[in-house]
PDB file of N, CA and C in Angstrom:
ATOM      1  N   MET A   1     182.552  70.695-102.093  1.00  0.00           N
ATOM      2  CA  MET A   1     182.789  69.467-102.817  1.00  0.00           C
ATOM      3  C   MET A   1     181.979  68.905-103.560  1.00  0.00           C
ATOM      4  N   TYR A   2     182.439  68.783-104.781  1.00  0.00           N
ATOM      5  CA  TYR A   2     181.384  68.158-105.746  1.00  0.00           C
ATOM      6  C   TYR A   2     182.160  67.002-106.630  1.00  0.00           C
ATOM      7  N   ALA A   3     181.412  66.121-107.176  1.00  0.00           N
ATOM      8  CA  ALA A   3     182.076  65.110-108.030  1.00  0.00           C
ATOM      9  C   ALA A   3     181.004  65.029-109.156  1.00  0.00           C
ATOM     10  N   ILE A   4     181.356  64.612-110.474  1.00  0.00           N
ATOM     11  CA  ILE A   4     181.104  64.355-111.676  1.00  0.00           C
ATOM     12  C   ILE A   4     180.631  62.840-111.845  1.00  0.00           C
ATOM     13  N   ILE A   5     179.757  61.782-111.975  1.00  0.00           N
ATOM     14  CA  ILE A   5     179.660  60.485-111.728  1.00  0.00           C
ATOM     15  C   ILE A   5     178.624  60.240-112.964  1.00  0.00           C
ATOM     16  N   GLU A   6     179.004  58.889-113.540  1.00  0.00           N
ATOM     17  CA  GLU A   6     178.079  58.684-114.700  1.00  0.00           C
ATOM     18  C   GLU A   6     177.303  57.549-114.310  1.00  0.00           C
ATOM     19  N   THR A   7     176.181  57.502-114.761  1.00  0.00           N
ATOM     20  CA  THR A   7     175.256  56.490-114.623  1.00  0.00           C
ATOM     21  C   THR A   7     174.302  56.417-115.386  1.00  0.00           C
ATOM     22  N   GLY A   8     173.800  55.365-116.054  1.00  0.00           N
ATOM     23  CA  GLY A   8     172.770  55.203-117.151  1.00  0.00           C
ATOM     24  C   GLY A   8     173.014  55.772-118.606  1.00  0.00           C
ATOM     25  N   GLY A   9     174.461  55.978-118.556  1.00  0.00           N
ATOM     26  CA  GLY A   9     174.924  56.487-119.956  1.00  0.00           C
ATOM     27  C   GLY A   9     174.762  58.163-119.664  1.00  0.00           C
ATOM     28  N   LYS A  10     174.527  58.266-118.699  1.00  0.00           N
ATOM     29  CA  LYS A  10     174.662  60.228-118.688  1.00  0.00           C
ATOM     30  C   LYS A  10     175.307  60.353-117.630  1.00  0.00           C
ATOM     31  N   GLN A  11     176.155  61.886-117.558  1.00  0.00           N
ATOM     32  CA  GLN A  11     176.903  62.120-116.411  1.00  0.00           C
ATOM     33  C   GLN A  11     176.187  63.327-115.779  1.00  0.00           C
ATOM     34  N   TYR A  12     176.704  63.390-114.119  1.00  0.00           N
ATOM     35  CA  TYR A  12     175.530  64.247-113.285  1.00  0.00           C
ATOM     36  C   TYR A  12     176.847  65.132-112.220  1.00  0.00           C
ATOM     37  N   ARG A  13     176.493  66.176-112.145  1.00  0.00           N
ATOM     38  CA  ARG A  13     177.322  66.937-111.284  1.00  0.00           C
ATOM     39  C   ARG A  13     176.565  66.472-109.683  1.00  0.00           C
ATOM     40  N   VAL A  14     177.218  66.206-108.906  1.00  0.00           N
ATOM     41  CA  VAL A  14     176.541  65.916-107.805  1.00  0.00           C
ATOM     42  C   VAL A  14     177.310  66.454-106.440  1.00  0.00           C
ATOM     43  N   GLU A  15     176.873  67.031-105.520  1.00  0.00           N
ATOM     44  CA  GLU A  15     177.213  67.338-103.997  1.00  0.00           C
ATOM     45  C   GLU A  15     176.183  66.740-103.075  1.00  0.00           C
ATOM     46  N   GLU A  16     177.128  66.763-101.979  1.00  0.00           N
ATOM     47  CA  GLU A  16     176.082  65.937-100.742  1.00  0.00           C
ATOM     48  C   GLU A  16     175.136  66.622-100.667  1.00  0.00           C
ATOM     49  N   GLY A  17     174.075  66.088-100.239  1.00  0.00           N
ATOM     50  CA  GLY A  17     172.693  66.434 -99.997  1.00  0.00           C
ATOM     51  C   GLY A  17     171.714  66.556-101.047  1.00  0.00           C
ATOM     52  N   ASP A  18     172.403  66.586-102.183  1.00  0.00           N
ATOM     53  CA  ASP A  18     171.690  66.483-103.638  1.00  0.00           C
ATOM     54  C   ASP A  18     170.387  65.627-103.987  1.00  0.00           C
ATOM     55  N   GLU A  19     169.572  65.811-104.682  1.00  0.00           N
ATOM     56  CA  GLU A  19     168.594  65.026-104.592  1.00  0.00           C
ATOM     57  C   GLU A  19     168.289  64.839-106.122  1.00  0.00           C
ATOM     58  N   LEU A  20     168.269  63.726-107.104  1.00  0.00           N
ATOM     59  CA  LEU A  20     168.196  63.767-108.318  1.00  0.00           C
ATOM     60  C   LEU A  20     167.619  62.574-108.994  1.00  0.00           C
ATOM     61  N   ASP A  21     166.945  62.670-110.411  1.00  0.00           N
ATOM     62  CA  ASP A  21     166.345  61.579-110.881  1.00  0.00           C
ATOM     63  C   ASP A  21     167.521  60.912-112.120  1.00  0.00           C
ATOM     64  N   VAL A  22     167.901  59.624-111.828  1.00  0.00           N
ATOM     65  CA  VAL A  22     168.883  59.304-112.654  1.00  0.00           C
ATOM     66  C   VAL A  22     167.985  57.813-113.458  1.00  0.00           C
ATOM     67  N   GLU A  23     168.282  57.479-114.544  1.00  0.00           N
ATOM     68  CA  GLU A  23     167.794  56.349-114.861  1.00  0.00           C
ATOM     69  C   GLU A  23     167.528  55.159-113.964  1.00  0.00           C
ATOM     70  N   LEU A  24     166.241  54.183-114.327  1.00  0.00           N
ATOM     71  CA  LEU A  24     166.020  53.315-113.396  1.00  0.00           C
ATOM     72  C   LEU A  24     167.082  52.338-113.030  1.00  0.00           C
ATOM     73  N   LEU A  25     167.150  52.428-111.541  1.00  0.00           N
ATOM     74  CA  LEU A  25     168.044  51.481-110.855  1.00  0.00           C
ATOM     75  C   LEU A  25     167.363  50.585-109.965  1.00  0.00           C
ATOM     76  N   HIS A  26     167.389  49.430-110.446  1.00  0.00           N
ATOM     77  CA  HIS A  26     166.885  47.993-109.541  1.00  0.00           C
ATOM     78  C   HIS A  26     167.405  47.654-108.419  1.00  0.00           C
ATOM     79  N   ALA A  27     167.547  48.821-107.483  1.00  0.00           N
ATOM     80  CA  ALA A  27     168.136  48.619-105.898  1.00  0.00           C
ATOM     81  C   ALA A  27     166.989  49.246-104.958  1.00  0.00           C
ATOM     82  N   GLU A  28     167.412  49.114-103.903  1.00  0.00           N
ATOM     83  CA  GLU A  28     166.611  49.464-102.913  1.00  0.00           C
ATOM     84  C   GLU A  28     167.340  49.901-101.496  1.00  0.00           C
ATOM     85  N   GLY A  29     167.235  51.112-101.227  1.00  0.00           N
ATOM     86  CA  GLY A  29     168.152  51.496-100.015  1.00  0.00           C
ATOM     87  C   GLY A  29     169.199  52.201-100.239  1.00  0.00           C
ATOM     88  N   ALA A  30     170.708  51.857 -99.645  1.00  0.00           N
ATOM     89  CA  ALA A  30     171.965  52.443 -99.822  1.00  0.00           C
ATOM     90  C   ALA A  30     172.552  51.905-101.345  1.00  0.00           C
ATOM     91  N   ILE A  31     173.192  52.629-102.071  1.00  0.00           N
ATOM     92  CA  ILE A  31     173.754  52.477-103.454  1.00  0.00           C
ATOM     93  C   ILE A  31     175.017  52.987-103.615  1.00  0.00           C
ATOM     94  N   GLN A  32     175.995  52.653-104.208  1.00  0.00           N
ATOM     95  CA  GLN A  32     176.946  53.166-104.483  1.00  0.00           C
ATOM     96  C   GLN A  32     177.782  53.303-105.992  1.00  0.00           C
ATOM     97  N   PHE A  33     177.866  54.718-106.334  1.00  0.00           N
ATOM     98  CA  PHE A  33     178.220  54.884-107.787  1.00  0.00           C
ATOM     99  C   PHE A  33     179.922  54.800-108.002  1.00  0.00           C
ATOM    100  N   ASP A  34     180.338  53.920-108.456  1.00  0.00           N
ATOM    101  CA  ASP A  34     181.836  53.825-108.377  1.00  0.00           C
ATOM    102  C   ASP A  34     182.367  54.382-109.939  1.00  0.00           C
ATOM    103  N   LYS A  35     181.498  54.756-110.784  1.00  0.00           N
ATOM    104  CA  LYS A  35     181.850  55.524-111.876  1.00  0.00           C
ATOM    105  C   LYS A  35     182.057  57.143-111.694  1.00  0.00           C
ATOM    106  N   VAL A  36     183.459  57.598-111.018  1.00  0.00           N
ATOM    107  CA  VAL A  36     183.365  58.655-110.736  1.00  0.00           C
ATOM    108  C   VAL A  36     184.465  59.844-111.618  1.00  0.00           C
ATOM    109  N   LEU A  37     184.040  60.289-112.296  1.00  0.00           N
ATOM    110  CA  LEU A  37     185.091  61.079-113.269  1.00  0.00           C
ATOM    111  C   LEU A  37     185.661  62.350-112.995  1.00  0.00           C
ATOM    112  N   LEU A  38     185.467  62.904-112.043  1.00  0.00           N
ATOM    113  CA  LEU A  38     185.845  64.226-111.407  1.00  0.00           C
ATOM    114  C   LEU A  38     185.630  64.321-110.026  1.00  0.00           C
ATOM    115  N   VAL A  39     186.264  64.891-109.128  1.00  0.00           N
ATOM    116  CA  VAL A  39     186.065  65.297-107.645  1.00  0.00           C
ATOM    117  C   VAL A  39     186.762  66.438-107.651  1.00  0.00           C
ATOM    118  N   HIS A  40     185.928  67.596-106.997  1.00  0.00           N
ATOM    119  CA  HIS A  40     186.925  68.890-106.643  1.00  0.00           C
ATOM    120  C   HIS A  40     186.496  69.322-105.217  1.00  0.00           C
ATOM    121  N   ASP A  41     187.557  69.348-104.949  1.00  0.00           N
ATOM    122  CA  ASP A  41     187.590  69.451-102.903  1.00  0.00           C
ATOM    123  C   ASP A  41     187.617  70.749-102.888  1.00  0.00           C
ATOM    124  N   GLY A  42     187.779  71.759-103.691  1.00  0.00           N
ATOM    125  CA  GLY A  42     187.678  73.315-103.474  1.00  0.00           C
ATOM    126  C   GLY A  42     189.105  73.853-103.505  1.00  0.00           C
ATOM    127  N   SER A  43     190.151  73.151-103.605  1.00  0.00           N
ATOM    128  CA  SER A  43     191.235  73.371-103.940  1.00  0.00           C
ATOM    129  C   SER A  43     192.042  73.002-105.607  1.00  0.00           C
ATOM    130  N   ALA A  44     191.565  71.855-105.585  1.00  0.00           N
ATOM    131  CA  ALA A  44     192.326  71.483-107.020  1.00  0.00           C
ATOM    132  C   ALA A  44     191.366  70.167-107.304  1.00  0.00           C
ATOM    133  N   PRO A  45     191.209  70.136-108.737  1.00  0.00           N
ATOM    134  CA  PRO A  45     190.142  68.773-109.078  1.00  0.00           C
ATOM    135  C   PRO A  45     191.094  67.647-109.243  1.00  0.00           C
ATOM    136  N   THR A  46     190.692  66.536-109.004  1.00  0.00           N
ATOM    137  CA  THR A  46     191.261  65.217-109.444  1.00  0.00           C
ATOM    138  C   THR A  46     190.791  64.627-110.382  1.00  0.00           C
ATOM    139  N   ILE A  47     191.015  64.277-111.608  1.00  0.00           N
ATOM    140  CA  ILE A  47     190.510  64.030-112.994  1.00  0.00           C
ATOM    141  C   ILE A  47     190.799  62.188-113.191  1.00  0.00           C
ATOM    142  N   GLY A  48     189.707  61.707-113.573  1.00  0.00           N
ATOM    143  CA  GLY A  48     190.119  60.259-113.728  1.00  0.00           C
ATOM    144  C   GLY A  48     190.429  60.237-115.267  1.00  0.00           C
ATOM    145  N   GLN A  49     191.187  58.683-115.403  1.00  0.00           N
ATOM    146  CA  GLN A  49     191.533  58.501-116.943  1.00  0.00           C
ATOM    147  C   GLN A  49     190.899  56.964-117.312  1.00  0.00           C
ATOM    148  N   PRO A  50     189.585  56.642-117.384  1.00  0.00           N
ATOM    149  CA  PRO A  50     188.457  57.703-117.395  1.00  0.00           C
ATOM    150  C   PRO A  50     187.963  57.810-116.083  1.00  0.00           C
ATOM    151  N   TYR A  51     188.029  56.849-114.917  1.00  0.00           N
ATOM    152  CA  TYR A  51     187.625  56.818-113.845  1.00  0.00           C
ATOM    153  C   TYR A  51     188.670  57.298-112.902  1.00  0.00           C
ATOM    154  N   ILE A  52     188.420  57.634-111.578  1.00  0.00           N
ATOM    155  CA  ILE A  52     189.141  57.636-110.486  1.00  0.00           C
ATOM    156  C   ILE A  52     188.888  56.455-109.516  1.00  0.00           C
ATOM    157  N   PRO A  53     190.235  55.596-109.419  1.00  0.00           N
ATOM    158  CA  PRO A  53     190.040  54.553-108.713  1.00  0.00           C
ATOM    159  C   PRO A  53     189.950  54.651-107.147  1.00  0.00           C
ATOM    160  N   GLN A  54     189.359  54.128-106.541  1.00  0.00           N
ATOM    161  CA  GLN A  54     189.174  54.184-104.958  1.00  0.00           C
ATOM    162  C   GLN A  54     188.366  55.089-104.566  1.00  0.00           C
ATOM    163  N   CYS A  55     187.513  55.490-105.404  1.00  0.00           N
ATOM    164  CA  CYS A  55     186.998  56.593-105.189  1.00  0.00           C
ATOM    165  C   CYS A  55     185.483  56.271-105.676  1.00  0.00           C
ATOM    166  N   ALA A  56     184.198  56.629-104.652  1.00  0.00           N
ATOM    167  CA  ALA A  56     182.918  56.272-104.935  1.00  0.00           C
ATOM    168  C   ALA A  56     181.969  57.356-104.314  1.00  0.00           C
ATOM    169  N   VAL A  57     180.784  57.287-104.705  1.00  0.00           N
ATOM    170  CA  VAL A  57     179.722  58.338-104.441  1.00  0.00           C
ATOM    171  C   VAL A  57     178.665  57.272-103.791  1.00  0.00           C
ATOM    172  N   HIS A  58     178.018  57.345-102.592  1.00  0.00           N
ATOM    173  CA  HIS A  58     177.269  56.886-101.624  1.00  0.00           C
ATOM    174  C   HIS A  58     176.118  57.642-101.913  1.00  0.00           C
ATOM    175  N   ALA A  59     175.069  56.761-102.125  1.00  0.00           N
ATOM    176  CA  ALA A  59     173.719  57.438-102.251  1.00  0.00           C
ATOM    177  C   ALA A  59     172.615  56.644-101.788  1.00  0.00           C
ATOM    178  N   GLU A  60     171.400  56.994-101.689  1.00  0.00           N
ATOM    179  CA  GLU A  60     170.158  56.299-101.172  1.00  0.00           C
ATOM    180  C   GLU A  60     168.974  56.236-101.868  1.00  0.00           C
ATOM    181  N   VAL A  61     168.366  55.448-102.151  1.00  0.00           N
ATOM    182  CA  VAL A  61     167.291  55.366-103.345  1.00  0.00           C
ATOM    183  C   VAL A  61     165.964  55.704-102.285  1.00  0.00           C
ATOM    184  N   ILE A  62     165.533  56.703-102.794  1.00  0.00           N
ATOM    185  CA  ILE A  62     164.196  56.922-102.062  1.00  0.00           C
ATOM    186  C   ILE A  62     162.955  56.832-102.902  1.00  0.00           C
ATOM    187  N   GLY A  63     162.949  56.588-104.068  1.00  0.00           N
ATOM    188  CA  GLY A  63     161.825  56.224-104.591  1.00  0.00           C
ATOM    189  C   GLY A  63     162.056  56.111-106.069  1.00  0.00           C
ATOM    190  N   GLN A  64     160.850  55.309-106.665  1.00  0.00           N
ATOM    191  CA  GLN A  64     160.695  55.438-108.343  1.00  0.00           C
ATOM    192  C   GLN A  64     159.583  56.456-108.658  1.00  0.00           C
ATOM    193  N   THR A  65     160.036  56.939-109.836  1.00  0.00           N
ATOM    194  CA  THR A  65     159.325  57.943-110.539  1.00  0.00           C
ATOM    195  C   THR A  65     159.206  57.741-111.862  1.00  0.00           C
ATOM    196  N   LYS A  66     158.123  58.582-112.355  1.00  0.00           N
ATOM    197  CA  LYS A  66     158.008  58.548-113.924  1.00  0.00           C
ATOM    198  C   LYS A  66     157.839  59.999-114.684  1.00  0.00           C
ATOM    199  N   GLY A  67     158.679  60.193-115.808  1.00  0.00           N
ATOM    200  CA  GLY A  67     158.936  61.043-116.142  1.00  0.00           C
ATOM    201  C   GLY A  67     157.367  61.609-117.273  1.00  0.00           C
ATOM    202  N   PRO A  68     157.818  62.837-117.537  1.00  0.00           N
ATOM    203  CA  PRO A  68     156.506  63.096-118.382  1.00  0.00           C
ATOM    204  C   PRO A  68     156.130  62.287-119.678  1.00  0.00           C
ATOM    205  N   LYS A  69     154.989  62.308-119.954  1.00  0.00           N
ATOM    206  CA  LYS A  69     154.421  61.534-121.286  1.00  0.00           C
ATOM    207  C   LYS A  69     154.888  62.126-122.249  1.00  0.00           C
ATOM    208  N   VAL A  70     155.538  61.525-123.339  1.00  0.00           N
ATOM    209  CA  VAL A  70     155.926  61.511-124.609  1.00  0.00           C
ATOM    210  C   VAL A  70     155.145  61.295-125.573  1.00  0.00           C
ATOM    211  N   ILE A  71     154.185  62.048-126.663  1.00  0.00           N
ATOM    212  CA  ILE A  71     153.796  60.973-127.735  1.00  0.00           C
ATOM    213  C   ILE A  71     154.078  61.193-129.026  1.00  0.00           C
ATOM    214  N   ALA A  72     154.362  59.778-129.624  1.00  0.00           N
ATOM    215  CA  ALA A  72     154.890  59.472-131.119  1.00  0.00           C
ATOM    216  C   ALA A  72     153.958  59.391-131.883  1.00  0.00           C
ATOM    217  N   PHE A  73     153.820  60.381-132.676  1.00  0.00           N
ATOM    218  CA  PHE A  73     152.547  59.987-133.608  1.00  0.00           C
ATOM    219  C   PHE A  73     153.305  59.945-135.075  1.00  0.00           C
ATOM    220  N   LYS A  74     152.671  58.751-135.927  1.00  0.00           N
ATOM    221  CA  LYS A  74     153.249  58.437-137.286  1.00  0.00           C
ATOM    222  C   LYS A  74     152.023  58.943-137.914  1.00  0.00           C
ATOM    223  N   TYR A  75     152.221  59.067-139.428  1.00  0.00           N
ATOM    224  CA  TYR A  75     151.178  59.460-140.067  1.00  0.00           C
ATOM    225  C   TYR A  75     151.479  59.474-141.579  1.00  0.00           C
ATOM    226  N   LYS A  76     150.581  58.810-142.477  1.00  0.00           N
ATOM    227  CA  LYS A  76     151.048  58.927-143.925  1.00  0.00           C
ATOM    228  C   LYS A  76     149.663  59.504-144.672  1.00  0.00           C
ATOM    229  N   ARG A  77     150.153  60.318-145.429  1.00  0.00           N
ATOM    230  CA  ARG A  77     148.876  61.229-146.033  1.00  0.00           C
ATOM    231  C   ARG A  77     148.383  60.130-147.038  1.00  0.00           C
ATOM    232  N   ARG A  78     147.016  60.547-147.120  1.00  0.00           N
ATOM    233  CA  ARG A  78     146.155  59.672-148.384  1.00  0.00           C
ATOM    234  C   ARG A  78     146.292  58.539-148.004  1.00  0.00           C
ATOM    235  N   LYS A  79     146.624  57.887-147.151  1.00  0.00           N
ATOM    236  CA  LYS A  79     146.387  56.224-147.096  1.00  0.00           C
ATOM    237  C   LYS A  79     145.851  55.484-145.994  1.00  0.00           C
ATOM    238  N   ASN A  80     145.397  56.545-145.009  1.00  0.00           N
ATOM    239  CA  ASN A  80     144.261  56.435-143.914  1.00  0.00           C
ATOM    240  C   ASN A  80     145.724  55.602-142.582  1.00  0.00           C
ATOM    241  N   TYR A  81     146.552  56.116-142.336  1.00  0.00           N
ATOM    242  CA  TYR A  81     147.537  55.612-141.491  1.00  0.00           C
ATOM    243  C   TYR A  81     147.977  56.275-140.822  1.00  0.00           C
ATOM    244  N   ARG A  82     147.434  56.067-139.671  1.00  0.00           N
ATOM    245  CA  ARG A  82     147.863  56.724-138.036  1.00  0.00           C
ATOM    246  C   ARG A  82     148.088  55.786-137.024  1.00  0.00           C
ATOM    247  N   HIS A  83     149.058  56.314-136.340  1.00  0.00           N
ATOM    248  CA  HIS A  83     149.436  55.749-135.382  1.00  0.00           C
ATOM    249  C   HIS A  83     150.057  56.168-133.937  1.00  0.00           C
ATOM    250  N   THR A  84     149.301  56.074-132.769  1.00  0.00           N
ATOM    251  CA  THR A  84     149.739  56.954-131.728  1.00  0.00           C
ATOM    252  C   THR A  84     150.423  55.973-130.828  1.00  0.00           C
ATOM    253  N   VAL A  85     151.532  56.417-130.154  1.00  0.00           N
ATOM    254  CA  VAL A  85     152.492  55.645-129.161  1.00  0.00           C
ATOM    255  C   VAL A  85     152.914  56.699-127.867  1.00  0.00           C
ATOM    256  N   GLY A  86     152.200  56.224-126.492  1.00  0.00           N
ATOM    257  CA  GLY A  86     152.874  57.203-125.509  1.00  0.00           C
ATOM    258  C   GLY A  86     153.805  56.431-124.787  1.00  0.00           C
ATOM    259  N   HIS A  87     154.528  57.146-124.060  1.00  0.00           N
ATOM    260  CA  HIS A  87     155.896  56.430-123.428  1.00  0.00           C
ATOM    261  C   HIS A  87     155.937  57.442-122.082  1.00  0.00           C
ATOM    262  N   ARG A  88     156.338  56.871-121.001  1.00  0.00           N
ATOM    263  CA  ARG A  88     157.006  57.454-119.732  1.00  0.00           C
ATOM    264  C   ARG A  88     157.681  56.824-119.412  1.00  0.00           C
ATOM    265  N   GLN A  89     159.239  57.357-119.130  1.00  0.00           N
ATOM    266  CA  GLN A  89     160.472  56.860-119.077  1.00  0.00           C
ATOM    267  C   GLN A  89     160.511  56.817-117.445  1.00  0.00           C
ATOM    268  N   LYS A  90     160.946  55.679-116.702  1.00  0.00           N
ATOM    269  CA  LYS A  90     160.925  55.186-115.557  1.00  0.00           C
ATOM    270  C   LYS A  90     162.401  55.923-114.903  1.00  0.00           C
ATOM    271  N   TYR A  91     162.254  56.599-113.816  1.00  0.00           N
ATOM    272  CA  TYR A  91     163.259  57.134-113.177  1.00  0.00           C
ATOM    273  C   TYR A  91     163.431  56.761-111.499  1.00  0.00           C
ATOM    274  N   SER A  92     164.605  56.700-111.081  1.00  0.00           N
ATOM    275  CA  SER A  92     165.020  56.663-109.571  1.00  0.00           C
ATOM    276  C   SER A  92     165.233  57.932-109.063  1.00  0.00           C
ATOM    277  N   HIS A  93     164.695  58.166-107.726  1.00  0.00           N
ATOM    278  CA  HIS A  93     165.182  59.243-107.288  1.00  0.00           C
ATOM    279  C   HIS A  93     165.972  59.165-106.165  1.00  0.00           C
ATOM    280  N   VAL A  94     167.177  59.589-106.275  1.00  0.00           N
ATOM    281  CA  VAL A  94     168.149  59.268-105.197  1.00  0.00           C
ATOM    282  C   VAL A  94     168.547  60.647-104.642  1.00  0.00           C
ATOM    283  N   LYS A  95     168.996  60.297-103.386  1.00  0.00           N
ATOM    284  CA  LYS A  95     169.905  61.562-102.620  1.00  0.00           C
ATOM    285  C   LYS A  95     171.176  61.020-102.340  1.00  0.00           C
ATOM    286  N   ILE A  96     172.066  62.272-102.591  1.00  0.00           N
ATOM    287  CA  ILE A  96     173.555  61.967-102.357  1.00  0.00           C
ATOM    288  C   ILE A  96     173.852  62.147-101.067  1.00  0.00           C
ATOM    289  N   THR A  97     174.421  61.029-100.078  1.00  0.00           N
ATOM    290  CA  THR A  97     174.629  60.980 -98.745  1.00  0.00           C
ATOM    291  C   THR A  97     176.215  61.513 -98.331  1.00  0.00           C
ATOM    292  N   LYS A  98     177.135  60.826 -99.329  1.00  0.00           N
ATOM    293  CA  LYS A  98     178.449  61.020 -98.918  1.00  0.00           C
ATOM    294  C   LYS A  98     179.526  61.275-100.355  1.00  0.00           C
ATOM    295  N   ILE A  99     180.244  61.736-100.380  1.00  0.00           N
ATOM    296  CA  ILE A  99     181.529  61.373-101.559  1.00  0.00           C
ATOM    297  C   ILE A  99     182.870  61.047-100.586  1.00  0.00           C
ATOM    298  N   ALA A 100     183.163  59.787-101.035  1.00  0.00           N
ATOM    299  CA  ALA A 100     184.050  59.144-100.645  1.00  0.00           C
ATOM    300  C   ALA A 100     185.601  59.028-101.536  1.00  0.00           C
ATOM    301  N   VAL A 101     186.479  60.017-101.141  1.00  0.00           N
ATOM    302  CA  VAL A 101     187.670  60.009-101.931  1.00  0.00           C
ATOM    303  C   VAL A 101     188.576  59.093-100.744  1.00  0.00           C
ATOM    304  N   ALA A 102     189.349  58.309-101.437  1.00  0.00           N
ATOM    305  CA  ALA A 102     190.543  57.221-100.918  1.00  0.00           C
ATOM    306  C   ALA A 102     191.785  58.102-101.016  1.00  0.00           C
TER     307      ALA A 102
END
């Protein structure tokens, strides 16, 4: 059984026991994803319009992580202009515990 959920403006395909990094969630412990787009139980998929009512994916926040450093460098030739900015995106590391279908 797997589900497709939406969080942080992105969609993820998840199964029970999966661990993934999602956009930063300001929560600790057990959480619930209500925006479930699709659930496939092995025989037939259930597709939402856009979401499936009374369906949720339960997960547990394991911790917070940071992504790789991205360097943004601006440069204008002959003008002595150089500007460097670094960025590290923050993520929440979650483990999927249950896919609940009503």
